[in-house]
Amino acid sequence: MNIKELGEKGEEKVAKYLIKNKYKILNRNYSNYTGEIDIIAENKRYIIFVEVKTRSEGQMLTPALSVDRKKRLKIIKTAALYLQKYDSRKQPRFDIAEVICNQKGKLSVNYIENAFQQEGEYAVF
């Protein structure tokens, strides 16, 4: 399985995880000129912007560590523009879903709620 296929399978696994946990998927692979958000979902209280990071088992660093400050700011900017276009009265939240693929191809999800906070000039919510 190549990297693109692994990433797509990881996103699908996270979407199923969210639905199972009573989230409603609003959008997948949403993009605008500032960036892309893998999954946008909501529950009763939050609108959630989810960054999915899928890696093979045995990596030295956790997938969440690859979401550096530059990537977080891109996600925040993209979310701000999404909320300008699609009004929501819910509190925004930024989550990271780590997906690990073992040697047999089985995927597991480590879901991190509120993985990072709004910052920079787009910290307006």
N, C-alpha and C. Protein backbone atom coordinates (compact mmCIF):
# COMPACT_ATOMS: atom_id res chain seq x y z
N MET A 1 0.86 -1.18 0.00
CA MET A 1 0.00 0.00 0.00
C MET A 1 0.90 1.24 0.00
N ASN A 2 0.63 2.17 -0.92
CA ASN A 2 1.45 3.38 -0.96
C ASN A 2 0.97 4.40 0.07
N ILE A 3 1.72 5.48 0.21
CA ILE A 3 1.44 6.49 1.24
C ILE A 3 0.06 7.12 1.05
N LYS A 4 -0.30 7.43 -0.19
CA LYS A 4 -1.60 8.05 -0.46
C LYS A 4 -2.75 7.11 -0.06
N GLU A 5 -2.64 5.85 -0.42
CA GLU A 5 -3.66 4.87 -0.06
C GLU A 5 -3.76 4.70 1.45
N LEU A 6 -2.61 4.66 2.11
CA LEU A 6 -2.59 4.53 3.57
C LEU A 6 -3.28 5.74 4.21
N GLY A 7 -3.00 6.94 3.71
CA GLY A 7 -3.65 8.14 4.22
C GLY A 7 -5.15 8.12 4.04
N GLU A 8 -5.60 7.68 2.87
CA GLU A 8 -7.04 7.59 2.60
C GLU A 8 -7.71 6.57 3.52
N LYS A 9 -7.07 5.44 3.72
CA LYS A 9 -7.62 4.42 4.62
C LYS A 9 -7.68 4.95 6.05
N GLY A 10 -6.66 5.72 6.44
CA GLY A 10 -6.64 6.32 7.77
C GLY A 10 -7.78 7.30 7.96
N GLU A 11 -8.02 8.14 6.97
CA GLU A 11 -9.13 9.10 7.05
C GLU A 11 -10.47 8.39 7.12
N GLU A 12 -10.63 7.33 6.36
CA GLU A 12 -11.88 6.56 6.39
C GLU A 12 -12.08 5.93 7.77
N LYS A 13 -11.02 5.40 8.35
CA LYS A 13 -11.10 4.80 9.68
C LYS A 13 -11.51 5.85 10.72
N VAL A 14 -10.97 7.05 10.62
CA VAL A 14 -11.31 8.12 11.57
C VAL A 14 -12.76 8.57 11.36
N ALA A 15 -13.21 8.68 10.12
CA ALA A 15 -14.60 9.06 9.85
C ALA A 15 -15.55 8.05 10.50
N LYS A 16 -15.27 6.77 10.35
CA LYS A 16 -16.10 5.73 10.98
C LYS A 16 -16.04 5.83 12.51
N TYR A 17 -14.86 6.12 13.04
CA TYR A 17 -14.70 6.30 14.49
C TYR A 17 -15.58 7.45 14.98
N LEU A 18 -15.56 8.56 14.26
CA LEU A 18 -16.35 9.73 14.66
C LEU A 18 -17.85 9.42 14.62
N ILE A 19 -18.30 8.79 13.55
CA ILE A 19 -19.72 8.45 13.43
C ILE A 19 -20.13 7.51 14.57
N LYS A 20 -19.30 6.53 14.86
CA LYS A 20 -19.57 5.58 15.95
C LYS A 20 -19.69 6.31 17.29
N ASN A 21 -18.95 7.41 17.44
CA ASN A 21 -18.95 8.17 18.68
C ASN A 21 -19.89 9.39 18.64
N LYS A 22 -20.90 9.30 17.79
CA LYS A 22 -22.01 10.28 17.73
C LYS A 22 -21.64 11.65 17.17
N TYR A 23 -20.62 11.69 16.31
CA TYR A 23 -20.30 12.92 15.60
C TYR A 23 -20.98 12.88 14.24
N LYS A 24 -21.31 14.04 13.74
CA LYS A 24 -21.86 14.16 12.39
C LYS A 24 -20.75 14.72 11.50
N ILE A 25 -20.46 14.03 10.41
CA ILE A 25 -19.44 14.50 9.47
C ILE A 25 -20.06 15.59 8.59
N LEU A 26 -19.47 16.76 8.59
CA LEU A 26 -19.96 17.88 7.77
C LEU A 26 -19.22 17.96 6.44
N ASN A 27 -17.93 17.64 6.48
CA ASN A 27 -17.12 17.79 5.28
C ASN A 27 -15.85 16.95 5.41
N ARG A 28 -15.39 16.45 4.28
CA ARG A 28 -14.11 15.73 4.26
C ARG A 28 -13.23 16.34 3.20
N ASN A 29 -11.96 16.48 3.53
CA ASN A 29 -10.98 17.06 2.61
C ASN A 29 -11.41 18.44 2.12
N TYR A 30 -11.87 19.26 3.06
CA TYR A 30 -12.27 20.63 2.73
C TYR A 30 -11.02 21.46 2.47
N SER A 31 -11.04 22.23 1.40
CA SER A 31 -9.88 23.09 1.12
C SER A 31 -10.34 24.44 0.62
N ASN A 32 -9.51 25.42 0.90
CA ASN A 32 -9.64 26.75 0.32
C ASN A 32 -8.22 27.24 0.05
N TYR A 33 -8.05 28.49 -0.28
CA TYR A 33 -6.73 28.95 -0.69
C TYR A 33 -5.70 28.95 0.45
N THR A 34 -6.13 28.80 1.70
CA THR A 34 -5.18 28.80 2.82
C THR A 34 -4.70 27.40 3.20
N GLY A 35 -5.47 26.37 2.85
CA GLY A 35 -5.06 25.03 3.23
C GLY A 35 -6.18 24.03 3.12
N GLU A 36 -5.99 22.90 3.82
CA GLU A 36 -6.94 21.79 3.75
C GLU A 36 -7.17 21.22 5.14
N ILE A 37 -8.40 20.79 5.38
CA ILE A 37 -8.76 20.14 6.64
C ILE A 37 -9.30 18.77 6.29
N ASP A 38 -8.77 17.75 6.94
CA ASP A 38 -9.13 16.38 6.59
C ASP A 38 -10.60 16.08 6.85
N ILE A 39 -11.05 16.38 8.06
CA ILE A 39 -12.45 16.10 8.41
C ILE A 39 -12.99 17.27 9.23
N ILE A 40 -14.20 17.70 8.89
CA ILE A 40 -14.92 18.68 9.71
C ILE A 40 -16.17 17.96 10.20
N ALA A 41 -16.35 17.95 11.51
CA ALA A 41 -17.47 17.24 12.12
C ALA A 41 -18.08 18.12 13.20
N GLU A 42 -19.19 17.66 13.75
CA GLU A 42 -19.80 18.38 14.86
C GLU A 42 -20.47 17.39 15.80
N ASN A 43 -20.58 17.83 17.04
CA ASN A 43 -21.40 17.12 18.01
C ASN A 43 -22.34 18.17 18.60
N LYS A 44 -22.96 17.88 19.70
CA LYS A 44 -23.94 18.83 20.26
C LYS A 44 -23.31 20.15 20.65
N ARG A 45 -22.03 20.14 21.03
CA ARG A 45 -21.41 21.34 21.58
C ARG A 45 -20.38 22.00 20.66
N TYR A 46 -19.67 21.22 19.85
CA TYR A 46 -18.53 21.73 19.10
C TYR A 46 -18.65 21.50 17.60
N ILE A 47 -17.97 22.38 16.86
CA ILE A 47 -17.63 22.09 15.47
C ILE A 47 -16.14 21.74 15.53
N ILE A 48 -15.81 20.58 14.97
CA ILE A 48 -14.48 20.01 15.18
C ILE A 48 -13.73 19.93 13.85
N PHE A 49 -12.52 20.45 13.87
CA PHE A 49 -11.63 20.40 12.72
C PHE A 49 -10.57 19.37 13.04
N VAL A 50 -10.57 18.28 12.26
CA VAL A 50 -9.75 17.12 12.58
C VAL A 50 -8.61 16.98 11.57
N GLU A 51 -7.40 16.92 12.08
CA GLU A 51 -6.23 16.60 11.27
C GLU A 51 -5.92 15.13 11.49
N VAL A 52 -5.90 14.37 10.40
CA VAL A 52 -5.63 12.94 10.48
C VAL A 52 -4.19 12.69 10.05
N LYS A 53 -3.45 11.98 10.88
CA LYS A 53 -2.07 11.62 10.57
C LYS A 53 -1.95 10.11 10.66
N THR A 54 -1.64 9.48 9.54
CA THR A 54 -1.53 8.03 9.47
C THR A 54 -0.07 7.65 9.25
N ARG A 55 0.40 6.72 10.04
CA ARG A 55 1.78 6.25 9.97
C ARG A 55 1.84 4.74 10.13
N SER A 56 2.89 4.16 9.63
CA SER A 56 3.15 2.75 9.85
C SER A 56 3.70 2.56 11.26
N GLU A 57 3.44 1.41 11.81
CA GLU A 57 3.92 1.06 13.14
C GLU A 57 5.45 1.11 13.19
N GLY A 58 5.97 1.49 14.35
CA GLY A 58 7.41 1.47 14.55
C GLY A 58 8.12 2.78 14.30
N GLN A 59 7.39 3.83 14.00
CA GLN A 59 8.00 5.14 13.81
C GLN A 59 8.48 5.67 15.16
N MET A 60 9.56 6.43 15.14
CA MET A 60 10.11 6.95 16.40
C MET A 60 9.22 8.02 17.03
N LEU A 61 8.62 8.85 16.21
CA LEU A 61 7.79 9.94 16.71
C LEU A 61 6.32 9.63 16.49
N THR A 62 5.48 10.14 17.39
CA THR A 62 4.05 9.94 17.21
C THR A 62 3.57 10.80 16.03
N PRO A 63 2.51 10.37 15.36
CA PRO A 63 2.00 11.16 14.23
C PRO A 63 1.62 12.60 14.61
N ALA A 64 1.11 12.79 15.81
CA ALA A 64 0.68 14.13 16.23
C ALA A 64 1.84 15.12 16.25
N LEU A 65 3.03 14.65 16.50
CA LEU A 65 4.18 15.55 16.55
C LEU A 65 4.51 16.16 15.19
N SER A 66 3.99 15.57 14.12
CA SER A 66 4.22 16.15 12.79
C SER A 66 3.30 17.34 12.51
N VAL A 67 2.36 17.60 13.40
CA VAL A 67 1.49 18.77 13.26
C VAL A 67 2.18 19.93 13.99
N ASP A 68 3.13 20.54 13.29
CA ASP A 68 3.92 21.61 13.89
C ASP A 68 3.15 22.94 13.88
N ARG A 69 3.76 23.97 14.40
CA ARG A 69 3.10 25.27 14.51
C ARG A 69 2.64 25.80 13.14
N LYS A 70 3.46 25.65 12.14
CA LYS A 70 3.10 26.12 10.79
C LYS A 70 1.83 25.40 10.30
N LYS A 71 1.77 24.09 10.49
CA LYS A 71 0.60 23.31 10.07
C LYS A 71 -0.63 23.71 10.89
N ARG A 72 -0.45 23.89 12.19
CA ARG A 72 -1.57 24.29 13.05
C ARG A 72 -2.14 25.64 12.60
N LEU A 73 -1.27 26.59 12.29
CA LEU A 73 -1.75 27.91 11.84
C LEU A 73 -2.50 27.81 10.53
N LYS A 74 -2.05 26.94 9.62
CA LYS A 74 -2.77 26.72 8.35
C LYS A 74 -4.17 26.17 8.61
N ILE A 75 -4.25 25.22 9.53
CA ILE A 75 -5.55 24.63 9.86
C ILE A 75 -6.47 25.69 10.48
N ILE A 76 -5.93 26.50 11.37
CA ILE A 76 -6.72 27.55 12.02
C ILE A 76 -7.23 28.56 10.99
N LYS A 77 -6.36 28.99 10.07
CA LYS A 77 -6.77 29.93 9.02
C LYS A 77 -7.86 29.32 8.13
N THR A 78 -7.66 28.07 7.76
CA THR A 78 -8.64 27.39 6.91
C THR A 78 -9.98 27.26 7.64
N ALA A 79 -9.93 26.94 8.93
CA ALA A 79 -11.15 26.84 9.73
C ALA A 79 -11.86 28.19 9.84
N ALA A 80 -11.10 29.26 10.01
CA ALA A 80 -11.70 30.60 10.11
C ALA A 80 -12.46 30.94 8.82
N LEU A 81 -11.87 30.64 7.69
CA LEU A 81 -12.55 30.92 6.42
C LEU A 81 -13.75 30.00 6.22
N TYR A 82 -13.65 28.76 6.67
CA TYR A 82 -14.79 27.84 6.61
C TYR A 82 -15.96 28.43 7.41
N LEU A 83 -15.66 28.93 8.61
CA LEU A 83 -16.72 29.47 9.47
C LEU A 83 -17.30 30.77 8.94
N GLN A 84 -16.54 31.51 8.16
CA GLN A 84 -17.10 32.69 7.50
C GLN A 84 -18.11 32.28 6.43
N LYS A 85 -17.81 31.19 5.77
CA LYS A 85 -18.67 30.72 4.68
C LYS A 85 -19.86 29.91 5.20
N TYR A 86 -19.62 29.08 6.21
CA TYR A 86 -20.65 28.20 6.78
C TYR A 86 -20.81 28.55 8.25
N ASP A 87 -21.73 29.42 8.55
CA ASP A 87 -21.93 29.90 9.91
C ASP A 87 -22.27 28.75 10.87
N SER A 88 -21.65 28.78 12.02
CA SER A 88 -21.94 27.81 13.07
C SER A 88 -21.92 28.53 14.40
N ARG A 89 -22.86 28.24 15.22
CA ARG A 89 -22.93 28.84 16.56
C ARG A 89 -22.15 28.00 17.58
N LYS A 90 -21.55 26.92 17.12
CA LYS A 90 -20.84 26.02 18.02
C LYS A 90 -19.39 26.46 18.21
N GLN A 91 -18.85 26.10 19.35
CA GLN A 91 -17.46 26.41 19.68
C GLN A 91 -16.53 25.57 18.80
N PRO A 92 -15.56 26.18 18.12
CA PRO A 92 -14.60 25.40 17.35
C PRO A 92 -13.64 24.63 18.27
N ARG A 93 -13.23 23.46 17.78
CA ARG A 93 -12.25 22.65 18.50
C ARG A 93 -11.33 22.01 17.46
N PHE A 94 -10.08 21.89 17.81
CA PHE A 94 -9.08 21.34 16.90
C PHE A 94 -8.54 20.03 17.47
N ASP A 95 -8.82 18.94 16.76
CA ASP A 95 -8.43 17.61 17.20
C ASP A 95 -7.42 17.01 16.22
N ILE A 96 -6.66 16.05 16.73
CA ILE A 96 -5.76 15.28 15.88
C ILE A 96 -6.10 13.81 16.06
N ALA A 97 -6.20 13.11 14.95
CA ALA A 97 -6.41 11.66 14.98
C ALA A 97 -5.14 10.98 14.47
N GLU A 98 -4.52 10.23 15.36
CA GLU A 98 -3.35 9.45 14.98
C GLU A 98 -3.84 8.06 14.56
N VAL A 99 -3.45 7.64 13.37
CA VAL A 99 -3.81 6.31 12.89
C VAL A 99 -2.51 5.54 12.68
N ILE A 100 -2.43 4.39 13.31
CA ILE A 100 -1.24 3.54 13.21
C ILE A 100 -1.62 2.27 12.45
N CYS A 101 -0.81 1.95 11.45
CA CYS A 101 -1.01 0.74 10.66
C CYS A 101 0.03 -0.29 11.09
N ASN A 102 -0.43 -1.45 11.60
CA ASN A 102 0.53 -2.47 12.01
C ASN A 102 1.01 -3.27 10.80
N GLN A 103 1.89 -4.21 11.04
CA GLN A 103 2.50 -4.97 9.94
C GLN A 103 1.50 -5.82 9.17
N LYS A 104 0.38 -6.14 9.80
CA LYS A 104 -0.65 -6.93 9.13
C LYS A 104 -1.67 -6.05 8.39
N GLY A 105 -1.48 -4.73 8.46
CA GLY A 105 -2.37 -3.82 7.77
C GLY A 105 -3.56 -3.36 8.60
N LYS A 106 -3.63 -3.75 9.87
CA LYS A 106 -4.73 -3.34 10.75
C LYS A 106 -4.47 -1.92 11.25
N LEU A 107 -5.52 -1.10 11.19
CA LEU A 107 -5.41 0.29 11.61
C LEU A 107 -6.00 0.48 13.00
N SER A 108 -5.33 1.29 13.82
CA SER A 108 -5.87 1.67 15.13
C SER A 108 -5.83 3.19 15.24
N VAL A 109 -6.80 3.72 15.99
CA VAL A 109 -6.95 5.17 16.12
C VAL A 109 -6.65 5.62 17.54
N ASN A 110 -5.81 6.63 17.65
CA ASN A 110 -5.61 7.35 18.91
C ASN A 110 -6.15 8.75 18.67
N TYR A 111 -7.31 9.04 19.26
CA TYR A 111 -8.00 10.31 18.98
C TYR A 111 -7.69 11.30 20.09
N ILE A 112 -7.16 12.46 19.71
CA ILE A 112 -6.75 13.49 20.68
C ILE A 112 -7.68 14.68 20.55
N GLU A 113 -8.59 14.82 21.50
CA GLU A 113 -9.51 15.97 21.51
C GLU A 113 -8.77 17.21 21.97
N ASN A 114 -9.14 18.35 21.39
CA ASN A 114 -8.58 19.63 21.78
C ASN A 114 -7.05 19.58 21.76
N ALA A 115 -6.51 19.04 20.68
CA ALA A 115 -5.07 18.80 20.55
C ALA A 115 -4.25 20.09 20.50
N PHE A 116 -4.85 21.15 19.99
CA PHE A 116 -4.16 22.44 19.99
C PHE A 116 -5.19 23.56 20.04
N GLN A 117 -4.71 24.73 20.44
CA GLN A 117 -5.56 25.89 20.63
C GLN A 117 -5.38 26.88 19.49
N GLN A 118 -6.35 27.75 19.34
CA GLN A 118 -6.27 28.81 18.36
C GLN A 118 -5.13 29.75 18.74
N GLU A 119 -4.42 30.22 17.74
CA GLU A 119 -3.34 31.15 17.99
C GLU A 119 -3.13 32.01 16.76
N GLY A 120 -2.33 33.03 16.90
CA GLY A 120 -2.03 33.90 15.77
C GLY A 120 -3.17 34.86 15.49
N GLU A 121 -3.09 35.49 14.33
CA GLU A 121 -4.08 36.52 13.96
C GLU A 121 -5.47 35.96 13.73
N TYR A 122 -5.60 34.63 13.57
CA TYR A 122 -6.89 34.02 13.34
C TYR A 122 -7.51 33.47 14.61
N ALA A 123 -6.96 33.80 15.75
CA ALA A 123 -7.52 33.33 17.03
C ALA A 123 -8.67 34.23 17.43
N VAL A 124 -9.73 34.14 16.65
CA VAL A 124 -10.87 35.04 16.85
C VAL A 124 -12.10 34.34 17.38
N PHE A 125 -12.07 33.02 17.52
CA PHE A 125 -13.26 32.34 17.97
C PHE A 125 -13.26 32.23 19.48
